[in-house]
Amino acid sequence: MRRFFYLILLLTLTACPQKVDDTINCTEVFVSGLNVKVTDATTNEIISEGIIVLAEDGDYGEELAFTFESYIGAGERAGNYTITVSGDGYVTQVVGPIEVLADECHVITQSVEVILVPN
């Protein structure tokens, strides 16, 4: 009798359609597409002042903002970026293209390190 019960249970479970929940739950966090760390080639120190970091993608351009230890920007914006880093006393560096992709919720942050050489 027990075997019969398990057989019926198994048939019931496999015969009933299973509801698949394919809903994607995205977070409300705002994600930066670019994270650029700028360091001095001589001292290996992070440069947080007197530097301009520009990100450009076609007609779009943005000056990245310094926060904590890097310059961030291109918030929730996928694209192919050219990054120009300049500052008084340093040789300007151009890096790119840097491809920022997005998934179904947010951009995928690309981290870049730029080492500036003093003039």
PDB file of N, CA and C in Angstrom:
ATOM      1  N   MET A   1       0.809  -1.190   0.000  1.00  0.00           N
ATOM      2  CA  MET A   1       0.000   0.000   0.000  1.00  0.00           C
ATOM      3  C   MET A   1       0.856   1.260   0.000  1.00  0.00           C
ATOM      4  N   ARG A   2       1.943   1.216   0.762  1.00  0.00           N
ATOM      5  CA  ARG A   2       2.845   2.366   0.830  1.00  0.00           C
ATOM      6  C   ARG A   2       3.457   2.650  -0.535  1.00  0.00           C
ATOM      7  N   ARG A   3       3.864   1.609  -1.255  1.00  0.00           N
ATOM      8  CA  ARG A   3       4.436   1.794  -2.591  1.00  0.00           C
ATOM      9  C   ARG A   3       3.421   2.450  -3.525  1.00  0.00           C
ATOM     10  N   PHE A   4       2.198   2.033  -3.414  1.00  0.00           N
ATOM     11  CA  PHE A   4       1.145   2.591  -4.239  1.00  0.00           C
ATOM     12  C   PHE A   4       0.979   4.089  -3.940  1.00  0.00           C
ATOM     13  N   PHE A   5       1.017   4.468  -2.686  1.00  0.00           N
ATOM     14  CA  PHE A   5       0.917   5.875  -2.285  1.00  0.00           C
ATOM     15  C   PHE A   5       2.053   6.701  -2.895  1.00  0.00           C
ATOM     16  N   TYR A   6       3.293   6.193  -2.790  1.00  0.00           N
ATOM     17  CA  TYR A   6       4.442   6.917  -3.354  1.00  0.00           C
ATOM     18  C   TYR A   6       4.355   7.012  -4.870  1.00  0.00           C
ATOM     19  N   LEU A   7       3.849   5.991  -5.511  1.00  0.00           N
ATOM     20  CA  LEU A   7       3.694   6.011  -6.956  1.00  0.00           C
ATOM     21  C   LEU A   7       2.675   7.083  -7.353  1.00  0.00           C
ATOM     22  N   ILE A   8       1.564   7.139  -6.648  1.00  0.00           N
ATOM     23  CA  ILE A   8       0.542   8.154  -6.929  1.00  0.00           C
ATOM     24  C   ILE A   8       1.112   9.551  -6.670  1.00  0.00           C
ATOM     25  N   LEU A   9       1.838   9.723  -5.566  1.00  0.00           N
ATOM     26  CA  LEU A   9       2.450  11.010  -5.252  1.00  0.00           C
ATOM     27  C   LEU A   9       3.425  11.424  -6.343  1.00  0.00           C
ATOM     28  N   LEU A  10       4.260  10.509  -6.770  1.00  0.00           N
ATOM     29  CA  LEU A  10       5.232  10.806  -7.823  1.00  0.00           C
ATOM     30  C   LEU A  10       4.535  11.192  -9.116  1.00  0.00           C
ATOM     31  N   LEU A  11       3.516  10.472  -9.504  1.00  0.00           N
ATOM     32  CA  LEU A  11       2.776  10.787 -10.726  1.00  0.00           C
ATOM     33  C   LEU A  11       2.080  12.146 -10.615  1.00  0.00           C
ATOM     34  N   THR A  12       1.556  12.459  -9.463  1.00  0.00           N
ATOM     35  CA  THR A  12       0.886  13.738  -9.259  1.00  0.00           C
ATOM     36  C   THR A  12       1.871  14.898  -9.381  1.00  0.00           C
ATOM     37  N   LEU A  13       3.025  14.751  -8.757  1.00  0.00           N
ATOM     38  CA  LEU A  13       4.014  15.826  -8.798  1.00  0.00           C
ATOM     39  C   LEU A  13       4.581  16.048 -10.183  1.00  0.00           C
ATOM     40  N   THR A  14       4.785  14.998 -10.926  1.00  0.00           N
ATOM     41  CA  THR A  14       5.357  15.150 -12.265  1.00  0.00           C
ATOM     42  C   THR A  14       4.312  15.527 -13.298  1.00  0.00           C
ATOM     43  N   ALA A  15       3.055  15.226 -13.037  1.00  0.00           N
ATOM     44  CA  ALA A  15       1.996  15.529 -13.995  1.00  0.00           C
ATOM     45  C   ALA A  15       1.529  16.977 -13.902  1.00  0.00           C
ATOM     46  N   CYS A  16       1.662  17.597 -12.745  1.00  0.00           N
ATOM     47  CA  CYS A  16       1.205  18.978 -12.562  1.00  0.00           C
ATOM     48  C   CYS A  16       2.244  19.941 -13.122  1.00  0.00           C
ATOM     49  N   PRO A  17       1.794  20.892 -13.920  1.00  0.00           N
ATOM     50  CA  PRO A  17       2.779  21.854 -14.447  1.00  0.00           C
ATOM     51  C   PRO A  17       3.351  22.708 -13.313  1.00  0.00           C
ATOM     52  N   GLN A  18       4.632  22.939 -13.386  1.00  0.00           N
ATOM     53  CA  GLN A  18       5.318  23.761 -12.403  1.00  0.00           C
ATOM     54  C   GLN A  18       5.345  25.197 -12.908  1.00  0.00           C
ATOM     55  N   LYS A  19       4.992  26.124 -12.053  1.00  0.00           N
ATOM     56  CA  LYS A  19       5.050  27.528 -12.419  1.00  0.00           C
ATOM     57  C   LYS A  19       6.497  28.002 -12.288  1.00  0.00           C
ATOM     58  N   VAL A  20       7.026  28.552 -13.365  1.00  0.00           N
ATOM     59  CA  VAL A  20       8.390  29.055 -13.364  1.00  0.00           C
ATOM     60  C   VAL A  20       8.331  30.566 -13.167  1.00  0.00           C
ATOM     61  N   ASP A  21       9.022  31.042 -12.154  1.00  0.00           N
ATOM     62  CA  ASP A  21       9.072  32.478 -11.894  1.00  0.00           C
ATOM     63  C   ASP A  21      10.342  33.027 -12.524  1.00  0.00           C
ATOM     64  N   ASP A  22      10.195  33.663 -13.675  1.00  0.00           N
ATOM     65  CA  ASP A  22      11.360  34.212 -14.362  1.00  0.00           C
ATOM     66  C   ASP A  22      11.471  35.725 -14.179  1.00  0.00           C
ATOM     67  N   THR A  23      10.830  36.226 -13.134  1.00  0.00           N
ATOM     68  CA  THR A  23      10.912  37.647 -12.821  1.00  0.00           C
ATOM     69  C   THR A  23      12.306  37.980 -12.322  1.00  0.00           C
ATOM     70  N   ILE A  24      12.862  39.049 -12.834  1.00  0.00           N
ATOM     71  CA  ILE A  24      14.178  39.504 -12.393  1.00  0.00           C
ATOM     72  C   ILE A  24      13.971  40.649 -11.420  1.00  0.00           C
ATOM     73  N   ASN A  25      14.515  40.492 -10.233  1.00  0.00           N
ATOM     74  CA  ASN A  25      14.400  41.535  -9.216  1.00  0.00           C
ATOM     75  C   ASN A  25      15.678  42.359  -9.213  1.00  0.00           C
ATOM     76  N   CYS A  26      15.588  43.565  -9.725  1.00  0.00           N
ATOM     77  CA  CYS A  26      16.744  44.449  -9.783  1.00  0.00           C
ATOM     78  C   CYS A  26      16.795  45.328  -8.541  1.00  0.00           C
ATOM     79  N   THR A  27      17.995  45.680  -8.145  1.00  0.00           N
ATOM     80  CA  THR A  27      18.171  46.572  -7.003  1.00  0.00           C
ATOM     81  C   THR A  27      17.970  48.017  -7.444  1.00  0.00           C
ATOM     82  N   GLU A  28      17.782  48.891  -6.487  1.00  0.00           N
ATOM     83  CA  GLU A  28      17.577  50.313  -6.754  1.00  0.00           C
ATOM     84  C   GLU A  28      18.903  51.086  -6.783  1.00  0.00           C
ATOM     85  N   VAL A  29      20.015  50.413  -6.574  1.00  0.00           N
ATOM     86  CA  VAL A  29      21.309  51.076  -6.506  1.00  0.00           C
ATOM     87  C   VAL A  29      21.683  51.648  -7.875  1.00  0.00           C
ATOM     88  N   PHE A  30      22.340  52.805  -7.873  1.00  0.00           N
ATOM     89  CA  PHE A  30      22.810  53.463  -9.091  1.00  0.00           C
ATOM     90  C   PHE A  30      24.249  53.017  -9.333  1.00  0.00           C
ATOM     91  N   VAL A  31      24.515  52.388 -10.456  1.00  0.00           N
ATOM     92  CA  VAL A  31      25.823  51.794 -10.733  1.00  0.00           C
ATOM     93  C   VAL A  31      26.591  52.643 -11.742  1.00  0.00           C
ATOM     94  N   SER A  32      27.849  52.950 -11.402  1.00  0.00           N
ATOM     95  CA  SER A  32      28.736  53.683 -12.319  1.00  0.00           C
ATOM     96  C   SER A  32      29.320  52.715 -13.333  1.00  0.00           C
ATOM     97  N   GLY A  33      29.371  53.155 -14.567  1.00  0.00           N
ATOM     98  CA  GLY A  33      29.946  52.324 -15.615  1.00  0.00           C
ATOM     99  C   GLY A  33      31.460  52.348 -15.617  1.00  0.00           C
ATOM    100  N   LEU A  34      32.044  53.443 -15.122  1.00  0.00           N
ATOM    101  CA  LEU A  34      33.502  53.588 -15.124  1.00  0.00           C
ATOM    102  C   LEU A  34      34.020  53.877 -13.723  1.00  0.00           C
ATOM    103  N   ASN A  35      35.143  53.265 -13.414  1.00  0.00           N
ATOM    104  CA  ASN A  35      35.844  53.475 -12.154  1.00  0.00           C
ATOM    105  C   ASN A  35      37.325  53.605 -12.527  1.00  0.00           C
ATOM    106  N   VAL A  36      37.846  54.833 -12.478  1.00  0.00           N
ATOM    107  CA  VAL A  36      39.205  55.104 -12.957  1.00  0.00           C
ATOM    108  C   VAL A  36      40.097  55.491 -11.781  1.00  0.00           C
ATOM    109  N   LYS A  37      41.110  54.698 -11.534  1.00  0.00           N
ATOM    110  CA  LYS A  37      42.094  54.980 -10.481  1.00  0.00           C
ATOM    111  C   LYS A  37      43.284  55.671 -11.149  1.00  0.00           C
ATOM    112  N   VAL A  38      43.642  56.839 -10.638  1.00  0.00           N
ATOM    113  CA  VAL A  38      44.743  57.623 -11.213  1.00  0.00           C
ATOM    114  C   VAL A  38      45.865  57.698 -10.189  1.00  0.00           C
ATOM    115  N   THR A  39      47.051  57.252 -10.597  1.00  0.00           N
ATOM    116  CA  THR A  39      48.207  57.279  -9.695  1.00  0.00           C
ATOM    117  C   THR A  39      49.387  57.998 -10.334  1.00  0.00           C
ATOM    118  N   ASP A  40      50.267  58.493  -9.493  1.00  0.00           N
ATOM    119  CA  ASP A  40      51.506  59.161  -9.905  1.00  0.00           C
ATOM    120  C   ASP A  40      52.560  58.102 -10.165  1.00  0.00           C
ATOM    121  N   ALA A  41      53.194  58.138 -11.338  1.00  0.00           N
ATOM    122  CA  ALA A  41      54.192  57.135 -11.708  1.00  0.00           C
ATOM    123  C   ALA A  41      55.411  57.167 -10.805  1.00  0.00           C
ATOM    124  N   THR A  42      55.741  58.315 -10.256  1.00  0.00           N
ATOM    125  CA  THR A  42      56.929  58.447  -9.412  1.00  0.00           C
ATOM    126  C   THR A  42      56.680  57.993  -7.985  1.00  0.00           C
ATOM    127  N   THR A  43      55.554  58.400  -7.421  1.00  0.00           N
ATOM    128  CA  THR A  43      55.277  58.120  -6.012  1.00  0.00           C
ATOM    129  C   THR A  43      54.353  56.928  -5.783  1.00  0.00           C
ATOM    130  N   ASN A  44      53.685  56.483  -6.830  1.00  0.00           N
ATOM    131  CA  ASN A  44      52.694  55.408  -6.725  1.00  0.00           C
ATOM    132  C   ASN A  44      51.479  55.804  -5.894  1.00  0.00           C
ATOM    133  N   GLU A  45      51.342  57.091  -5.589  1.00  0.00           N
ATOM    134  CA  GLU A  45      50.235  57.597  -4.781  1.00  0.00           C
ATOM    135  C   GLU A  45      49.030  57.906  -5.671  1.00  0.00           C
ATOM    136  N   ILE A  46      47.847  57.736  -5.109  1.00  0.00           N
ATOM    137  CA  ILE A  46      46.622  58.107  -5.805  1.00  0.00           C
ATOM    138  C   ILE A  46      46.553  59.626  -5.903  1.00  0.00           C
ATOM    139  N   ILE A  47      46.205  60.129  -7.090  1.00  0.00           N
ATOM    140  CA  ILE A  47      46.081  61.566  -7.297  1.00  0.00           C
ATOM    141  C   ILE A  47      44.598  61.920  -7.202  1.00  0.00           C
ATOM    142  N   SER A  48      44.262  62.720  -6.214  1.00  0.00           N
ATOM    143  CA  SER A  48      42.855  63.043  -5.984  1.00  0.00           C
ATOM    144  C   SER A  48      42.510  64.497  -6.294  1.00  0.00           C
ATOM    145  N   GLU A  49      43.521  65.333  -6.505  1.00  0.00           N
ATOM    146  CA  GLU A  49      43.264  66.756  -6.748  1.00  0.00           C
ATOM    147  C   GLU A  49      44.028  67.239  -7.971  1.00  0.00           C
ATOM    148  N   GLY A  50      43.451  68.243  -8.646  1.00  0.00           N
ATOM    149  CA  GLY A  50      44.123  68.862  -9.780  1.00  0.00           C
ATOM    150  C   GLY A  50      44.120  68.021 -11.032  1.00  0.00           C
ATOM    151  N   ILE A  51      43.290  67.003 -11.079  1.00  0.00           N
ATOM    152  CA  ILE A  51      43.224  66.102 -12.232  1.00  0.00           C
ATOM    153  C   ILE A  51      41.836  66.193 -12.852  1.00  0.00           C
ATOM    154  N   ILE A  52      41.789  66.152 -14.166  1.00  0.00           N
ATOM    155  CA  ILE A  52      40.525  66.103 -14.885  1.00  0.00           C
ATOM    156  C   ILE A  52      40.473  64.778 -15.624  1.00  0.00           C
ATOM    157  N   VAL A  53      39.410  64.024 -15.366  1.00  0.00           N
ATOM    158  CA  VAL A  53      39.198  62.741 -16.034  1.00  0.00           C
ATOM    159  C   VAL A  53      37.931  62.878 -16.871  1.00  0.00           C
ATOM    160  N   LEU A  54      38.099  62.830 -18.189  1.00  0.00           N
ATOM    161  CA  LEU A  54      36.972  62.959 -19.116  1.00  0.00           C
ATOM    162  C   LEU A  54      36.689  61.618 -19.770  1.00  0.00           C
ATOM    163  N   ALA A  55      35.412  61.257 -19.825  1.00  0.00           N
ATOM    164  CA  ALA A  55      34.978  60.050 -20.522  1.00  0.00           C
ATOM    165  C   ALA A  55      34.106  60.480 -21.690  1.00  0.00           C
ATOM    166  N   GLU A  56      34.411  59.968 -22.877  1.00  0.00           N
ATOM    167  CA  GLU A  56      33.644  60.334 -24.064  1.00  0.00           C
ATOM    168  C   GLU A  56      33.208  59.082 -24.811  1.00  0.00           C
ATOM    169  N   ASP A  57      31.958  59.131 -25.276  1.00  0.00           N
ATOM    170  CA  ASP A  57      31.392  58.062 -26.094  1.00  0.00           C
ATOM    171  C   ASP A  57      30.583  58.736 -27.195  1.00  0.00           C
ATOM    172  N   GLY A  58      31.183  58.871 -28.359  1.00  0.00           N
ATOM    173  CA  GLY A  58      30.514  59.590 -29.444  1.00  0.00           C
ATOM    174  C   GLY A  58      30.288  61.041 -29.057  1.00  0.00           C
ATOM    175  N   ASP A  59      29.045  61.504 -29.117  1.00  0.00           N
ATOM    176  CA  ASP A  59      28.704  62.882 -28.763  1.00  0.00           C
ATOM    177  C   ASP A  59      28.573  63.090 -27.258  1.00  0.00           C
ATOM    178  N   TYR A  60      28.570  62.009 -26.505  1.00  0.00           N
ATOM    179  CA  TYR A  60      28.407  62.101 -25.046  1.00  0.00           C
ATOM    180  C   TYR A  60      29.754  62.321 -24.375  1.00  0.00           C
ATOM    181  N   GLY A  61      29.806  63.239 -23.428  1.00  0.00           N
ATOM    182  CA  GLY A  61      31.024  63.489 -22.660  1.00  0.00           C
ATOM    183  C   GLY A  61      30.679  63.777 -21.212  1.00  0.00           C
ATOM    184  N   GLU A  62      31.548  63.336 -20.326  1.00  0.00           N
ATOM    185  CA  GLU A  62      31.311  63.527 -18.896  1.00  0.00           C
ATOM    186  C   GLU A  62      32.640  63.655 -18.162  1.00  0.00           C
ATOM    187  N   GLU A  63      32.703  64.614 -17.239  1.00  0.00           N
ATOM    188  CA  GLU A  63      33.857  64.711 -16.353  1.00  0.00           C
ATOM    189  C   GLU A  63      33.562  63.834 -15.142  1.00  0.00           C
ATOM    190  N   LEU A  64      34.436  62.874 -14.892  1.00  0.00           N
ATOM    191  CA  LEU A  64      34.220  61.940 -13.791  1.00  0.00           C
ATOM    192  C   LEU A  64      34.508  62.610 -12.458  1.00  0.00           C
ATOM    193  N   ALA A  65      33.806  62.183 -11.438  1.00  0.00           N
ATOM    194  CA  ALA A  65      33.930  62.753 -10.095  1.00  0.00           C
ATOM    195  C   ALA A  65      34.804  61.867  -9.219  1.00  0.00           C
ATOM    196  N   PHE A  66      35.645  62.507  -8.389  1.00  0.00           N
ATOM    197  CA  PHE A  66      36.500  61.744  -7.476  1.00  0.00           C
ATOM    198  C   PHE A  66      35.711  61.374  -6.226  1.00  0.00           C
ATOM    199  N   THR A  67      35.789  60.099  -5.880  1.00  0.00           N
ATOM    200  CA  THR A  67      35.164  59.613  -4.661  1.00  0.00           C
ATOM    201  C   THR A  67      36.010  58.487  -4.091  1.00  0.00           C
ATOM    202  N   PHE A  68      36.308  58.568  -2.823  1.00  0.00           N
ATOM    203  CA  PHE A  68      37.157  57.603  -2.131  1.00  0.00           C
ATOM    204  C   PHE A  68      38.528  57.526  -2.797  1.00  0.00           C
ATOM    205  N   GLU A  69      38.784  56.518  -3.637  1.00  0.00           N
ATOM    206  CA  GLU A  69      40.123  56.365  -4.229  1.00  0.00           C
ATOM    207  C   GLU A  69      40.109  56.373  -5.753  1.00  0.00           C
ATOM    208  N   SER A  70      38.993  56.750  -6.366  1.00  0.00           N
ATOM    209  CA  SER A  70      38.937  56.717  -7.827  1.00  0.00           C
ATOM    210  C   SER A  70      37.929  57.725  -8.359  1.00  0.00           C
ATOM    211  N   TYR A  71      37.991  57.896  -9.665  1.00  0.00           N
ATOM    212  CA  TYR A  71      37.071  58.780 -10.374  1.00  0.00           C
ATOM    213  C   TYR A  71      35.969  57.890 -10.971  1.00  0.00           C
ATOM    214  N   ILE A  72      34.719  58.264 -10.730  1.00  0.00           N
ATOM    215  CA  ILE A  72      33.612  57.442 -11.210  1.00  0.00           C
ATOM    216  C   ILE A  72      32.674  58.249 -12.091  1.00  0.00           C
ATOM    217  N   GLY A  73      31.985  57.539 -12.973  1.00  0.00           N
ATOM    218  CA  GLY A  73      31.022  58.192 -13.842  1.00  0.00           C
ATOM    219  C   GLY A  73      30.379  57.218 -14.799  1.00  0.00           C
ATOM    220  N   ALA A  74      29.731  57.757 -15.823  1.00  0.00           N
ATOM    221  CA  ALA A  74      28.973  56.967 -16.802  1.00  0.00           C
ATOM    222  C   ALA A  74      27.935  56.122 -16.077  1.00  0.00           C
ATOM    223  N   GLY A  75      27.222  56.758 -15.157  1.00  0.00           N
ATOM    224  CA  GLY A  75      26.237  56.051 -14.348  1.00  0.00           C
ATOM    225  C   GLY A  75      25.115  55.459 -15.180  1.00  0.00           C
ATOM    226  N   GLU A  76      24.958  54.169 -15.055  1.00  0.00           N
ATOM    227  CA  GLU A  76      23.904  53.413 -15.749  1.00  0.00           C
ATOM    228  C   GLU A  76      23.878  53.707 -17.247  1.00  0.00           C
ATOM    229  N   ARG A  77      25.082  53.903 -17.838  1.00  0.00           N
ATOM    230  CA  ARG A  77      25.169  54.207 -19.264  1.00  0.00           C
ATOM    231  C   ARG A  77      26.189  53.302 -19.933  1.00  0.00           C
ATOM    232  N   ALA A  78      25.708  52.336 -20.705  1.00  0.00           N
ATOM    233  CA  ALA A  78      26.595  51.466 -21.475  1.00  0.00           C
ATOM    234  C   ALA A  78      27.173  52.260 -22.641  1.00  0.00           C
ATOM    235  N   GLY A  79      28.342  51.840 -23.130  1.00  0.00           N
ATOM    236  CA  GLY A  79      28.942  52.512 -24.270  1.00  0.00           C
ATOM    237  C   GLY A  79      30.400  52.150 -24.432  1.00  0.00           C
ATOM    238  N   ASN A  80      31.035  52.740 -25.424  1.00  0.00           N
ATOM    239  CA  ASN A  80      32.463  52.569 -25.686  1.00  0.00           C
ATOM    240  C   ASN A  80      33.140  53.905 -25.414  1.00  0.00           C
ATOM    241  N   TYR A  81      33.894  53.947 -24.335  1.00  0.00           N
ATOM    242  CA  TYR A  81      34.432  55.203 -23.832  1.00  0.00           C
ATOM    243  C   TYR A  81      35.920  55.357 -24.112  1.00  0.00           C
ATOM    244  N   THR A  82      36.284  56.588 -24.457  1.00  0.00           N
ATOM    245  CA  THR A  82      37.675  57.002 -24.479  1.00  0.00           C
ATOM    246  C   THR A  82      37.860  57.879 -23.249  1.00  0.00           C
ATOM    247  N   ILE A  83      38.880  57.580 -22.468  1.00  0.00           N
ATOM    248  CA  ILE A  83      39.125  58.309 -21.225  1.00  0.00           C
ATOM    249  C   ILE A  83      40.383  59.141 -21.396  1.00  0.00           C
ATOM    250  N   THR A  84      40.266  60.435 -21.116  1.00  0.00           N
ATOM    251  CA  THR A  84      41.404  61.349 -21.165  1.00  0.00           C
ATOM    252  C   THR A  84      41.667  61.845 -19.756  1.00  0.00           C
ATOM    253  N   VAL A  85      42.903  61.662 -19.289  1.00  0.00           N
ATOM    254  CA  VAL A  85      43.289  62.089 -17.939  1.00  0.00           C
ATOM    255  C   VAL A  85      44.384  63.130 -18.076  1.00  0.00           C
ATOM    256  N   SER A  86      44.144  64.312 -17.490  1.00  0.00           N
ATOM    257  CA  SER A  86      45.120  65.395 -17.585  1.00  0.00           C
ATOM    258  C   SER A  86      45.179  66.159 -16.278  1.00  0.00           C
ATOM    259  N   GLY A  87      46.290  66.875 -16.113  1.00  0.00           N
ATOM    260  CA  GLY A  87      46.459  67.704 -14.929  1.00  0.00           C
ATOM    261  C   GLY A  87      47.761  68.472 -15.019  1.00  0.00           C
ATOM    262  N   ASP A  88      47.815  69.598 -14.322  1.00  0.00           N
ATOM    263  CA  ASP A  88      49.031  70.399 -14.312  1.00  0.00           C
ATOM    264  C   ASP A  88      50.189  69.582 -13.768  1.00  0.00           C
ATOM    265  N   GLY A  89      51.292  69.603 -14.506  1.00  0.00           N
ATOM    266  CA  GLY A  89      52.483  68.896 -14.063  1.00  0.00           C
ATOM    267  C   GLY A  89      52.550  67.442 -14.504  1.00  0.00           C
ATOM    268  N   TYR A  90      51.569  67.000 -15.299  1.00  0.00           N
ATOM    269  CA  TYR A  90      51.549  65.605 -15.759  1.00  0.00           C
ATOM    270  C   TYR A  90      51.356  65.529 -17.269  1.00  0.00           C
ATOM    271  N   VAL A  91      51.878  64.477 -17.858  1.00  0.00           N
ATOM    272  CA  VAL A  91      51.669  64.192 -19.271  1.00  0.00           C
ATOM    273  C   VAL A  91      50.255  63.616 -19.412  1.00  0.00           C
ATOM    274  N   THR A  92      49.462  64.176 -20.335  1.00  0.00           N
ATOM    275  CA  THR A  92      48.088  63.711 -20.557  1.00  0.00           C
ATOM    276  C   THR A  92      48.102  62.277 -21.083  1.00  0.00           C
ATOM    277  N   GLN A  93      47.213  61.456 -20.538  1.00  0.00           N
ATOM    278  CA  GLN A  93      47.072  60.059 -20.969  1.00  0.00           C
ATOM    279  C   GLN A  93      45.683  59.861 -21.573  1.00  0.00           C
ATOM    280  N   VAL A  94      45.619  59.117 -22.674  1.00  0.00           N
ATOM    281  CA  VAL A  94      44.353  58.758 -23.307  1.00  0.00           C
ATOM    282  C   VAL A  94      44.266  57.237 -23.316  1.00  0.00           C
ATOM    283  N   VAL A  95      43.150  56.715 -22.823  1.00  0.00           N
ATOM    284  CA  VAL A  95      42.954  55.273 -22.719  1.00  0.00           C
ATOM    285  C   VAL A  95      41.633  54.916 -23.388  1.00  0.00           C
ATOM    286  N   GLY A  96      41.631  53.824 -24.101  1.00  0.00           N
ATOM    287  CA  GLY A  96      40.364  53.352 -24.656  1.00  0.00           C
ATOM    288  C   GLY A  96      40.522  52.755 -26.024  1.00  0.00           C
ATOM    289  N   PRO A  97      39.454  52.279 -26.559  1.00  0.00           N
ATOM    290  CA  PRO A  97      38.115  52.350 -25.998  1.00  0.00           C
ATOM    291  C   PRO A  97      37.918  51.346 -24.860  1.00  0.00           C
ATOM    292  N   ILE A  98      37.116  51.753 -23.890  1.00  0.00           N
ATOM    293  CA  ILE A  98      36.716  50.915 -22.770  1.00  0.00           C
ATOM    294  C   ILE A  98      35.240  50.604 -22.974  1.00  0.00           C
ATOM    295  N   GLU A  99      34.915  49.343 -23.119  1.00  0.00           N
ATOM    296  CA  GLU A  99      33.526  48.950 -23.364  1.00  0.00           C
ATOM    297  C   GLU A  99      32.803  48.696 -22.051  1.00  0.00           C
ATOM    298  N   VAL A 100      31.735  49.439 -21.836  1.00  0.00           N
ATOM    299  CA  VAL A 100      30.878  49.254 -20.665  1.00  0.00           C
ATOM    300  C   VAL A 100      29.604  48.562 -21.153  1.00  0.00           C
ATOM    301  N   LEU A 101      29.370  47.376 -20.630  1.00  0.00           N
ATOM    302  CA  LEU A 101      28.189  46.604 -21.000  1.00  0.00           C
ATOM    303  C   LEU A 101      27.137  46.716 -19.910  1.00  0.00           C
ATOM    304  N   ALA A 102      25.957  46.214 -20.188  1.00  0.00           N
ATOM    305  CA  ALA A 102      24.876  46.203 -19.202  1.00  0.00           C
ATOM    306  C   ALA A 102      24.212  44.838 -19.206  1.00  0.00           C
ATOM    307  N   ASP A 103      23.736  44.423 -18.034  1.00  0.00           N
ATOM    308  CA  ASP A 103      22.917  43.226 -17.962  1.00  0.00           C
ATOM    309  C   ASP A 103      21.461  43.669 -17.900  1.00  0.00           C
ATOM    310  N   GLU A 104      20.566  42.807 -17.476  1.00  0.00           N
ATOM    311  CA  GLU A 104      19.156  43.173 -17.471  1.00  0.00           C
ATOM    312  C   GLU A 104      18.781  44.217 -16.427  1.00  0.00           C
ATOM    313  N   CYS A 105      19.699  44.516 -15.507  1.00  0.00           N
ATOM    314  CA  CYS A 105      19.398  45.490 -14.448  1.00  0.00           C
ATOM    315  C   CYS A 105      20.294  46.730 -14.473  1.00  0.00           C
ATOM    316  N   HIS A 106      21.588  46.534 -14.606  1.00  0.00           N
ATOM    317  CA  HIS A 106      22.537  47.637 -14.450  1.00  0.00           C
ATOM    318  C   HIS A 106      23.709  47.498 -15.421  1.00  0.00           C
ATOM    319  N   VAL A 107      24.501  48.570 -15.495  1.00  0.00           N
ATOM    320  CA  VAL A 107      25.756  48.478 -16.241  1.00  0.00           C
ATOM    321  C   VAL A 107      26.732  47.634 -15.432  1.00  0.00           C
ATOM    322  N   ILE A 108      27.728  47.115 -16.125  1.00  0.00           N
ATOM    323  CA  ILE A 108      28.781  46.336 -15.481  1.00  0.00           C
ATOM    324  C   ILE A 108      30.006  47.238 -15.415  1.00  0.00           C
ATOM    325  N   THR A 109      30.367  47.641 -14.209  1.00  0.00           N
ATOM    326  CA  THR A 109      31.449  48.609 -14.004  1.00  0.00           C
ATOM    327  C   THR A 109      32.765  48.098 -14.567  1.00  0.00           C
ATOM    328  N   GLN A 110      33.439  48.969 -15.312  1.00  0.00           N
ATOM    329  CA  GLN A 110      34.776  48.681 -15.816  1.00  0.00           C
ATOM    330  C   GLN A 110      35.782  49.502 -15.009  1.00  0.00           C
ATOM    331  N   SER A 111      36.753  48.817 -14.431  1.00  0.00           N
ATOM    332  CA  SER A 111      37.801  49.477 -13.654  1.00  0.00           C
ATOM    333  C   SER A 111      39.030  49.664 -14.523  1.00  0.00           C
ATOM    334  N   VAL A 112      39.581  50.860 -14.458  1.00  0.00           N
ATOM    335  CA  VAL A 112      40.752  51.222 -15.258  1.00  0.00           C
ATOM    336  C   VAL A 112      41.747  51.892 -14.344  1.00  0.00           C
ATOM    337  N   GLU A 113      43.038  51.593 -14.529  1.00  0.00           N
ATOM    338  CA  GLU A 113      44.084  52.306 -13.793  1.00  0.00           C
ATOM    339  C   GLU A 113      44.904  53.095 -14.782  1.00  0.00           C
ATOM    340  N   VAL A 114      45.058  54.377 -14.487  1.00  0.00           N
ATOM    341  CA  VAL A 114      45.871  55.266 -15.328  1.00  0.00           C
ATOM    342  C   VAL A 114      47.016  55.772 -14.474  1.00  0.00           C
ATOM    343  N   ILE A 115      48.232  55.579 -14.976  1.00  0.00           N
ATOM    344  CA  ILE A 115      49.436  56.036 -14.265  1.00  0.00           C
ATOM    345  C   ILE A 115      49.969  57.272 -14.989  1.00  0.00           C
ATOM    346  N   LEU A 116      49.941  58.410 -14.294  1.00  0.00           N
ATOM    347  CA  LEU A 116      50.404  59.656 -14.898  1.00  0.00           C
ATOM    348  C   LEU A 116      51.880  59.880 -14.622  1.00  0.00           C
ATOM    349  N   VAL A 117      52.568  60.307 -15.666  1.00  0.00           N
ATOM    350  CA  VAL A 117      53.991  60.601 -15.579  1.00  0.00           C
ATOM    351  C   VAL A 117      54.156  62.122 -15.399  1.00  0.00           C
ATOM    352  N   PRO A 118      54.901  62.529 -14.386  1.00  0.00           N
ATOM    353  CA  PRO A 118      55.130  63.974 -14.209  1.00  0.00           C
ATOM    354  C   PRO A 118      55.898  64.552 -15.388  1.00  0.00           C
ATOM    355  N   ASN A 119      55.647  65.839 -15.690  1.00  0.00           N
ATOM    356  CA  ASN A 119      56.402  66.547 -16.747  1.00  0.00           C
ATOM    357  C   ASN A 119      57.834  66.762 -16.325  1.00  0.00           C
TER     358      ASN A 119
END
